[in-house]
Amino acid sequence: MNPPPRRRRSRVVRWTLDAVGGTLFAIGTVNIFIPGLPTTIFWIGAVMCFVKTRPSAVKPILRTPVIGPAIRGFLRWKPFSKKKRR
C-alpha cells in the first residue's frame, strides 16, 4: 500500500522552516566552542525543521559521530514515531 501523497507547503512556510533550522544549526555550532551550552538540543530542532523542507541536509547532521546517534535516538522516541497508537 502506498503512503498518502504529501501536501506541498507554501513558499513562506518552507522559507520560515529553513530560516529557523539554519538559525538553530548555527547556534548549535557556536555552542560547540562555548563550554557549558548545549549543542544537541539546537541540532535536534534544526533536524526537525530540515526534515520537512530539505531531507538531504539532514544526512550530514545525522552522520556526525557524537551528536548523530543522540539525534537519531530522540527522533525514534515514541511521540515522534509514525506508529499508530491503540
PDB file of N, CA and C in Angstrom:
ATOM      1  N   MET A   1       0.844  -1.177   0.000  1.00  0.00           N
ATOM      2  CA  MET A   1       0.000   0.000   0.000  1.00  0.00           C
ATOM      3  C   MET A   1       0.889   1.241   0.000  1.00  0.00           C
ATOM      4  N   ASN A   2       0.593   2.159  -0.868  1.00  0.00           N
ATOM      5  CA  ASN A   2       1.385   3.387  -0.970  1.00  0.00           C
ATOM      6  C   ASN A   2       0.977   4.383   0.102  1.00  0.00           C
ATOM      7  N   PRO A   3       1.952   5.131   0.628  1.00  0.00           N
ATOM      8  CA  PRO A   3       1.594   6.167   1.617  1.00  0.00           C
ATOM      9  C   PRO A   3       0.810   7.275   0.927  1.00  0.00           C
ATOM     10  N   PRO A   4       0.006   7.996   1.685  1.00  0.00           N
ATOM     11  CA  PRO A   4      -0.753   9.097   1.081  1.00  0.00           C
ATOM     12  C   PRO A   4       0.192  10.168   0.548  1.00  0.00           C
ATOM     13  N   PRO A   5      -0.192  10.869  -0.501  1.00  0.00           N
ATOM     14  CA  PRO A   5       0.700  11.905  -1.051  1.00  0.00           C
ATOM     15  C   PRO A   5       0.922  13.029  -0.042  1.00  0.00           C
ATOM     16  N   ARG A   6       2.150  13.568  -0.071  1.00  0.00           N
ATOM     17  CA  ARG A   6       2.484  14.645   0.861  1.00  0.00           C
ATOM     18  C   ARG A   6       1.897  15.955   0.359  1.00  0.00           C
ATOM     19  N   ARG A   7       1.406  16.720   1.276  1.00  0.00           N
ATOM     20  CA  ARG A   7       0.859  18.031   0.941  1.00  0.00           C
ATOM     21  C   ARG A   7       2.019  19.003   0.776  1.00  0.00           C
ATOM     22  N   ARG A   8       1.991  19.760  -0.302  1.00  0.00           N
ATOM     23  CA  ARG A   8       3.051  20.748  -0.529  1.00  0.00           C
ATOM     24  C   ARG A   8       2.866  21.930   0.400  1.00  0.00           C
ATOM     25  N   ARG A   9       3.969  22.370   0.957  1.00  0.00           N
ATOM     26  CA  ARG A   9       3.937  23.541   1.829  1.00  0.00           C
ATOM     27  C   ARG A   9       4.113  24.796   0.991  1.00  0.00           C
ATOM     28  N   SER A  10       3.571  25.881   1.468  1.00  0.00           N
ATOM     29  CA  SER A  10       3.724  27.136   0.743  1.00  0.00           C
ATOM     30  C   SER A  10       5.173  27.605   0.825  1.00  0.00           C
ATOM     31  N   ARG A  11       5.528  28.501  -0.058  1.00  0.00           N
ATOM     32  CA  ARG A  11       6.898  29.015  -0.110  1.00  0.00           C
ATOM     33  C   ARG A  11       7.275  29.710   1.192  1.00  0.00           C
ATOM     34  N   VAL A  12       6.340  30.433   1.774  1.00  0.00           N
ATOM     35  CA  VAL A  12       6.619  31.151   3.021  1.00  0.00           C
ATOM     36  C   VAL A  12       6.906  30.160   4.156  1.00  0.00           C
ATOM     37  N   VAL A  13       6.140  29.095   4.224  1.00  0.00           N
ATOM     38  CA  VAL A  13       6.347  28.094   5.270  1.00  0.00           C
ATOM     39  C   VAL A  13       7.700  27.416   5.090  1.00  0.00           C
ATOM     40  N   ARG A  14       8.043  27.064   3.852  1.00  0.00           N
ATOM     41  CA  ARG A  14       9.345  26.431   3.603  1.00  0.00           C
ATOM     42  C   ARG A  14      10.484  27.370   3.968  1.00  0.00           C
ATOM     43  N   TRP A  15      10.394  28.631   3.566  1.00  0.00           N
ATOM     44  CA  TRP A  15      11.455  29.595   3.894  1.00  0.00           C
ATOM     45  C   TRP A  15      11.567  29.797   5.397  1.00  0.00           C
ATOM     46  N   THR A  16      10.430  29.843   6.072  1.00  0.00           N
ATOM     47  CA  THR A  16      10.448  30.013   7.523  1.00  0.00           C
ATOM     48  C   THR A  16      11.111  28.812   8.200  1.00  0.00           C
ATOM     49  N   LEU A  17      10.737  27.599   7.782  1.00  0.00           N
ATOM     50  CA  LEU A  17      11.354  26.406   8.360  1.00  0.00           C
ATOM     51  C   LEU A  17      12.847  26.359   8.058  1.00  0.00           C
ATOM     52  N   ASP A  18      13.238  26.752   6.848  1.00  0.00           N
ATOM     53  CA  ASP A  18      14.663  26.804   6.510  1.00  0.00           C
ATOM     54  C   ASP A  18      15.401  27.822   7.373  1.00  0.00           C
ATOM     55  N   ALA A  19      14.805  28.979   7.570  1.00  0.00           N
ATOM     56  CA  ALA A  19      15.449  30.025   8.377  1.00  0.00           C
ATOM     57  C   ALA A  19      15.581  29.583   9.831  1.00  0.00           C
ATOM     58  N   VAL A  20      14.525  29.013  10.383  1.00  0.00           N
ATOM     59  CA  VAL A  20      14.574  28.549  11.770  1.00  0.00           C
ATOM     60  C   VAL A  20      15.591  27.413  11.907  1.00  0.00           C
ATOM     61  N   GLY A  21      15.567  26.470  10.968  1.00  0.00           N
ATOM     62  CA  GLY A  21      16.529  25.365  11.004  1.00  0.00           C
ATOM     63  C   GLY A  21      17.963  25.843  10.880  1.00  0.00           C
ATOM     64  N   GLY A  22      18.205  26.777   9.975  1.00  0.00           N
ATOM     65  CA  GLY A  22      19.563  27.318   9.818  1.00  0.00           C
ATOM     66  C   GLY A  22      20.036  28.062  11.048  1.00  0.00           C
ATOM     67  N   THR A  23      19.133  28.814  11.652  1.00  0.00           N
ATOM     68  CA  THR A  23      19.476  29.549  12.870  1.00  0.00           C
ATOM     69  C   THR A  23      19.793  28.594  14.014  1.00  0.00           C
ATOM     70  N   LEU A  24      18.960  27.568  14.179  1.00  0.00           N
ATOM     71  CA  LEU A  24      19.204  26.592  15.242  1.00  0.00           C
ATOM     72  C   LEU A  24      20.513  25.834  15.013  1.00  0.00           C
ATOM     73  N   PHE A  25      20.785  25.500  13.766  1.00  0.00           N
ATOM     74  CA  PHE A  25      22.041  24.802  13.470  1.00  0.00           C
ATOM     75  C   PHE A  25      23.240  25.691  13.755  1.00  0.00           C
ATOM     76  N   ALA A  26      23.149  26.968  13.391  1.00  0.00           N
ATOM     77  CA  ALA A  26      24.250  27.905  13.646  1.00  0.00           C
ATOM     78  C   ALA A  26      24.477  28.095  15.143  1.00  0.00           C
ATOM     79  N   ILE A  27      23.400  28.227  15.913  1.00  0.00           N
ATOM     80  CA  ILE A  27      23.543  28.371  17.362  1.00  0.00           C
ATOM     81  C   ILE A  27      24.182  27.126  17.953  1.00  0.00           C
ATOM     82  N   GLY A  28      23.757  25.939  17.485  1.00  0.00           N
ATOM     83  CA  GLY A  28      24.353  24.696  17.970  1.00  0.00           C
ATOM     84  C   GLY A  28      25.824  24.595  17.630  1.00  0.00           C
ATOM     85  N   THR A  29      26.197  25.071  16.443  1.00  0.00           N
ATOM     86  CA  THR A  29      27.601  25.040  16.045  1.00  0.00           C
ATOM     87  C   THR A  29      28.442  25.971  16.918  1.00  0.00           C
ATOM     88  N   VAL A  30      27.930  27.148  17.215  1.00  0.00           N
ATOM     89  CA  VAL A  30      28.646  28.071  18.097  1.00  0.00           C
ATOM     90  C   VAL A  30      28.791  27.458  19.484  1.00  0.00           C
ATOM     91  N   ASN A  31      27.776  26.738  19.924  1.00  0.00           N
ATOM     92  CA  ASN A  31      27.804  26.141  21.260  1.00  0.00           C
ATOM     93  C   ASN A  31      28.829  25.018  21.382  1.00  0.00           C
ATOM     94  N   ILE A  32      29.341  24.500  20.261  1.00  0.00           N
ATOM     95  CA  ILE A  32      30.418  23.506  20.340  1.00  0.00           C
ATOM     96  C   ILE A  32      31.642  24.133  20.990  1.00  0.00           C
ATOM     97  N   PHE A  33      31.879  25.396  20.680  1.00  0.00           N
ATOM     98  CA  PHE A  33      33.088  26.073  21.148  1.00  0.00           C
ATOM     99  C   PHE A  33      32.901  26.818  22.463  1.00  0.00           C
ATOM    100  N   ILE A  34      31.666  26.951  22.931  1.00  0.00           N
ATOM    101  CA  ILE A  34      31.390  27.622  24.198  1.00  0.00           C
ATOM    102  C   ILE A  34      31.060  26.548  25.232  1.00  0.00           C
ATOM    103  N   PRO A  35      31.935  26.350  26.198  1.00  0.00           N
ATOM    104  CA  PRO A  35      31.680  25.288  27.175  1.00  0.00           C
ATOM    105  C   PRO A  35      30.446  25.586  28.031  1.00  0.00           C
ATOM    106  N   GLY A  36      29.710  24.540  28.310  1.00  0.00           N
ATOM    107  CA  GLY A  36      28.562  24.666  29.203  1.00  0.00           C
ATOM    108  C   GLY A  36      27.238  24.887  28.511  1.00  0.00           C
ATOM    109  N   LEU A  37      27.236  25.174  27.230  1.00  0.00           N
ATOM    110  CA  LEU A  37      25.985  25.368  26.500  1.00  0.00           C
ATOM    111  C   LEU A  37      25.674  24.129  25.667  1.00  0.00           C
ATOM    112  N   PRO A  38      24.410  23.740  25.572  1.00  0.00           N
ATOM    113  CA  PRO A  38      24.065  22.517  24.855  1.00  0.00           C
ATOM    114  C   PRO A  38      24.132  22.697  23.334  1.00  0.00           C
ATOM    115  N   THR A  39      24.562  21.668  22.652  1.00  0.00           N
ATOM    116  CA  THR A  39      24.591  21.654  21.196  1.00  0.00           C
ATOM    117  C   THR A  39      23.468  20.789  20.659  1.00  0.00           C
ATOM    118  N   THR A  40      23.268  19.650  21.289  1.00  0.00           N
ATOM    119  CA  THR A  40      22.357  18.645  20.758  1.00  0.00           C
ATOM    120  C   THR A  40      20.935  19.165  20.604  1.00  0.00           C
ATOM    121  N   ILE A  41      20.426  19.876  21.573  1.00  0.00           N
ATOM    122  CA  ILE A  41      19.026  20.308  21.513  1.00  0.00           C
ATOM    123  C   ILE A  41      18.796  21.272  20.346  1.00  0.00           C
ATOM    124  N   PHE A  42      19.773  22.103  20.056  1.00  0.00           N
ATOM    125  CA  PHE A  42      19.625  23.014  18.922  1.00  0.00           C
ATOM    126  C   PHE A  42      19.678  22.250  17.604  1.00  0.00           C
ATOM    127  N   TRP A  43      20.544  21.240  17.529  1.00  0.00           N
ATOM    128  CA  TRP A  43      20.635  20.451  16.296  1.00  0.00           C
ATOM    129  C   TRP A  43      19.416  19.556  16.125  1.00  0.00           C
ATOM    130  N   ILE A  44      18.817  19.102  17.216  1.00  0.00           N
ATOM    131  CA  ILE A  44      17.562  18.344  17.114  1.00  0.00           C
ATOM    132  C   ILE A  44      16.477  19.239  16.511  1.00  0.00           C
ATOM    133  N   GLY A  45      16.376  20.470  16.978  1.00  0.00           N
ATOM    134  CA  GLY A  45      15.403  21.406  16.399  1.00  0.00           C
ATOM    135  C   GLY A  45      15.678  21.681  14.930  1.00  0.00           C
ATOM    136  N   ALA A  46      16.952  21.813  14.574  1.00  0.00           N
ATOM    137  CA  ALA A  46      17.310  22.047  13.171  1.00  0.00           C
ATOM    138  C   ALA A  46      16.921  20.849  12.312  1.00  0.00           C
ATOM    139  N   VAL A  47      17.181  19.648  12.801  1.00  0.00           N
ATOM    140  CA  VAL A  47      16.819  18.442  12.049  1.00  0.00           C
ATOM    141  C   VAL A  47      15.308  18.358  11.869  1.00  0.00           C
ATOM    142  N   MET A  48      14.561  18.694  12.899  1.00  0.00           N
ATOM    143  CA  MET A  48      13.103  18.641  12.789  1.00  0.00           C
ATOM    144  C   MET A  48      12.591  19.647  11.755  1.00  0.00           C
ATOM    145  N   CYS A  49      13.235  20.795  11.625  1.00  0.00           N
ATOM    146  CA  CYS A  49      12.853  21.766  10.594  1.00  0.00           C
ATOM    147  C   CYS A  49      13.288  21.300   9.209  1.00  0.00           C
ATOM    148  N   PHE A  50      14.516  20.805   9.107  1.00  0.00           N
ATOM    149  CA  PHE A  50      15.049  20.403   7.804  1.00  0.00           C
ATOM    150  C   PHE A  50      14.408  19.141   7.256  1.00  0.00           C
ATOM    151  N   VAL A  51      13.906  18.266   8.120  1.00  0.00           N
ATOM    152  CA  VAL A  51      13.241  17.051   7.636  1.00  0.00           C
ATOM    153  C   VAL A  51      12.026  17.416   6.796  1.00  0.00           C
ATOM    154  N   LYS A  52      11.382  18.497   7.135  1.00  0.00           N
ATOM    155  CA  LYS A  52      10.190  18.927   6.406  1.00  0.00           C
ATOM    156  C   LYS A  52      10.521  19.607   5.081  1.00  0.00           C
ATOM    157  N   THR A  53      11.680  20.255   4.983  1.00  0.00           N
ATOM    158  CA  THR A  53      11.975  21.040   3.783  1.00  0.00           C
ATOM    159  C   THR A  53      13.159  20.513   2.997  1.00  0.00           C
ATOM    160  N   ARG A  54      14.207  20.053   3.656  1.00  0.00           N
ATOM    161  CA  ARG A  54      15.444  19.619   2.994  1.00  0.00           C
ATOM    162  C   ARG A  54      15.951  18.317   3.601  1.00  0.00           C
ATOM    163  N   PRO A  55      15.351  17.191   3.219  1.00  0.00           N
ATOM    164  CA  PRO A  55      15.815  15.923   3.791  1.00  0.00           C
ATOM    165  C   PRO A  55      17.289  15.624   3.492  1.00  0.00           C
ATOM    166  N   SER A  56      17.807  16.132   2.383  1.00  0.00           N
ATOM    167  CA  SER A  56      19.211  15.866   2.064  1.00  0.00           C
ATOM    168  C   SER A  56      20.158  16.606   3.012  1.00  0.00           C
ATOM    169  N   ALA A  57      19.708  17.669   3.641  1.00  0.00           N
ATOM    170  CA  ALA A  57      20.540  18.408   4.595  1.00  0.00           C
ATOM    171  C   ALA A  57      20.622  17.696   5.940  1.00  0.00           C
ATOM    172  N   VAL A  58      19.723  16.766   6.180  1.00  0.00           N
ATOM    173  CA  VAL A  58      19.694  16.063   7.467  1.00  0.00           C
ATOM    174  C   VAL A  58      20.776  14.986   7.528  1.00  0.00           C
ATOM    175  N   LYS A  59      21.092  14.367   6.400  1.00  0.00           N
ATOM    176  CA  LYS A  59      22.036  13.248   6.384  1.00  0.00           C
ATOM    177  C   LYS A  59      23.401  13.602   6.977  1.00  0.00           C
ATOM    178  N   PRO A  60      24.026  14.732   6.590  1.00  0.00           N
ATOM    179  CA  PRO A  60      25.329  15.042   7.202  1.00  0.00           C
ATOM    180  C   PRO A  60      25.250  15.291   8.713  1.00  0.00           C
ATOM    181  N   ILE A  61      24.149  15.849   9.173  1.00  0.00           N
ATOM    182  CA  ILE A  61      23.996  16.086  10.609  1.00  0.00           C
ATOM    183  C   ILE A  61      23.901  14.750  11.346  1.00  0.00           C
ATOM    184  N   LEU A  62      23.151  13.812  10.786  1.00  0.00           N
ATOM    185  CA  LEU A  62      22.993  12.515  11.446  1.00  0.00           C
ATOM    186  C   LEU A  62      24.253  11.663  11.370  1.00  0.00           C
ATOM    187  N   ARG A  63      25.173  11.979  10.465  1.00  0.00           N
ATOM    188  CA  ARG A  63      26.437  11.247  10.371  1.00  0.00           C
ATOM    189  C   ARG A  63      27.494  11.757  11.340  1.00  0.00           C
ATOM    190  N   THR A  64      27.229  12.852  12.024  1.00  0.00           N
ATOM    191  CA  THR A  64      28.173  13.388  12.995  1.00  0.00           C
ATOM    192  C   THR A  64      28.381  12.339  14.093  1.00  0.00           C
ATOM    193  N   PRO A  65      29.634  11.980  14.405  1.00  0.00           N
ATOM    194  CA  PRO A  65      29.886  10.846  15.299  1.00  0.00           C
ATOM    195  C   PRO A  65      29.264  10.959  16.689  1.00  0.00           C
ATOM    196  N   VAL A  66      29.324  12.095  17.328  1.00  0.00           N
ATOM    197  CA  VAL A  66      28.858  12.202  18.711  1.00  0.00           C
ATOM    198  C   VAL A  66      27.388  12.615  18.773  1.00  0.00           C
ATOM    199  N   ILE A  67      27.025  13.601  17.995  1.00  0.00           N
ATOM    200  CA  ILE A  67      25.677  14.163  18.059  1.00  0.00           C
ATOM    201  C   ILE A  67      24.670  13.321  17.281  1.00  0.00           C
ATOM    202  N   GLY A  68      25.094  12.715  16.167  1.00  0.00           N
ATOM    203  CA  GLY A  68      24.191  11.959  15.298  1.00  0.00           C
ATOM    204  C   GLY A  68      23.387  10.878  16.009  1.00  0.00           C
ATOM    205  N   PRO A  69      24.043   9.981  16.767  1.00  0.00           N
ATOM    206  CA  PRO A  69      23.273   8.942  17.474  1.00  0.00           C
ATOM    207  C   PRO A  69      22.273   9.515  18.493  1.00  0.00           C
ATOM    208  N   ALA A  70      22.625  10.612  19.138  1.00  0.00           N
ATOM    209  CA  ALA A  70      21.697  11.227  20.099  1.00  0.00           C
ATOM    210  C   ALA A  70      20.462  11.763  19.393  1.00  0.00           C
ATOM    211  N   ILE A  71      20.667  12.375  18.235  1.00  0.00           N
ATOM    212  CA  ILE A  71      19.533  12.917  17.482  1.00  0.00           C
ATOM    213  C   ILE A  71      18.656  11.782  16.962  1.00  0.00           C
ATOM    214  N   ARG A  72      19.284  10.733  16.411  1.00  0.00           N
ATOM    215  CA  ARG A  72      18.508   9.589  15.913  1.00  0.00           C
ATOM    216  C   ARG A  72      17.709   8.950  17.044  1.00  0.00           C
ATOM    217  N   GLY A  73      18.304   8.825  18.210  1.00  0.00           N
ATOM    218  CA  GLY A  73      17.592   8.258  19.356  1.00  0.00           C
ATOM    219  C   GLY A  73      16.409   9.107  19.769  1.00  0.00           C
ATOM    220  N   PHE A  74      16.575  10.419  19.728  1.00  0.00           N
ATOM    221  CA  PHE A  74      15.476  11.307  20.086  1.00  0.00           C
ATOM    222  C   PHE A  74      14.342  11.219  19.072  1.00  0.00           C
ATOM    223  N   LEU A  75      14.669  11.149  17.783  1.00  0.00           N
ATOM    224  CA  LEU A  75      13.634  11.092  16.755  1.00  0.00           C
ATOM    225  C   LEU A  75      12.901   9.757  16.744  1.00  0.00           C
ATOM    226  N   ARG A  76      13.523   8.719  17.281  1.00  0.00           N
ATOM    227  CA  ARG A  76      12.855   7.407  17.373  1.00  0.00           C
ATOM    228  C   ARG A  76      11.990   7.279  18.621  1.00  0.00           C
ATOM    229  N   TRP A  77      12.018   8.272  19.459  1.00  0.00           N
ATOM    230  CA  TRP A  77      11.239   8.285  20.691  1.00  0.00           C
ATOM    231  C   TRP A  77       9.759   8.186  20.337  1.00  0.00           C
ATOM    232  N   LYS A  78       8.959   7.561  21.147  1.00  0.00           N
ATOM    233  CA  LYS A  78       7.557   7.254  20.868  1.00  0.00           C
ATOM    234  C   LYS A  78       6.707   8.417  20.337  1.00  0.00           C
ATOM    235  N   PRO A  79       6.712   9.593  20.959  1.00  0.00           N
ATOM    236  CA  PRO A  79       5.827  10.648  20.459  1.00  0.00           C
ATOM    237  C   PRO A  79       6.121  11.086  19.027  1.00  0.00           C
ATOM    238  N   PHE A  80       7.343  10.854  18.523  1.00  0.00           N
ATOM    239  CA  PHE A  80       7.695  11.280  17.178  1.00  0.00           C
ATOM    240  C   PHE A  80       7.607  10.162  16.155  1.00  0.00           C
ATOM    241  N   SER A  81       7.437   8.920  16.607  1.00  0.00           N
ATOM    242  CA  SER A  81       7.395   7.817  15.657  1.00  0.00           C
ATOM    243  C   SER A  81       6.065   7.818  14.927  1.00  0.00           C
ATOM    244  N   LYS A  82       6.049   7.212  13.753  1.00  0.00           N
ATOM    245  CA  LYS A  82       4.862   7.203  12.903  1.00  0.00           C
ATOM    246  C   LYS A  82       3.907   6.050  13.211  1.00  0.00           C
ATOM    247  N   LYS A  83       4.236   5.223  14.191  1.00  0.00           N
ATOM    248  CA  LYS A  83       3.388   4.090  14.509  1.00  0.00           C
ATOM    249  C   LYS A  83       2.057   4.556  15.082  1.00  0.00           C
ATOM    250  N   LYS A  84       1.010   3.835  14.705  1.00  0.00           N
ATOM    251  CA  LYS A  84      -0.315   4.176  15.221  1.00  0.00           C
ATOM    252  C   LYS A  84      -0.467   3.644  16.640  1.00  0.00           C
ATOM    253  N   ARG A  85      -1.111   4.421  17.454  1.00  0.00           N
ATOM    254  CA  ARG A  85      -1.352   4.004  18.840  1.00  0.00           C
ATOM    255  C   ARG A  85      -2.702   3.301  18.919  1.00  0.00           C
ATOM    256  N   ARG A  86      -2.789   2.358  19.834  1.00  0.00           N
ATOM    257  CA  ARG A  86      -4.055   1.642  20.016  1.00  0.00           C
ATOM    258  C   ARG A  86      -4.850   2.228  21.125  1.00  0.00           C
TER     259      ARG A  86
END
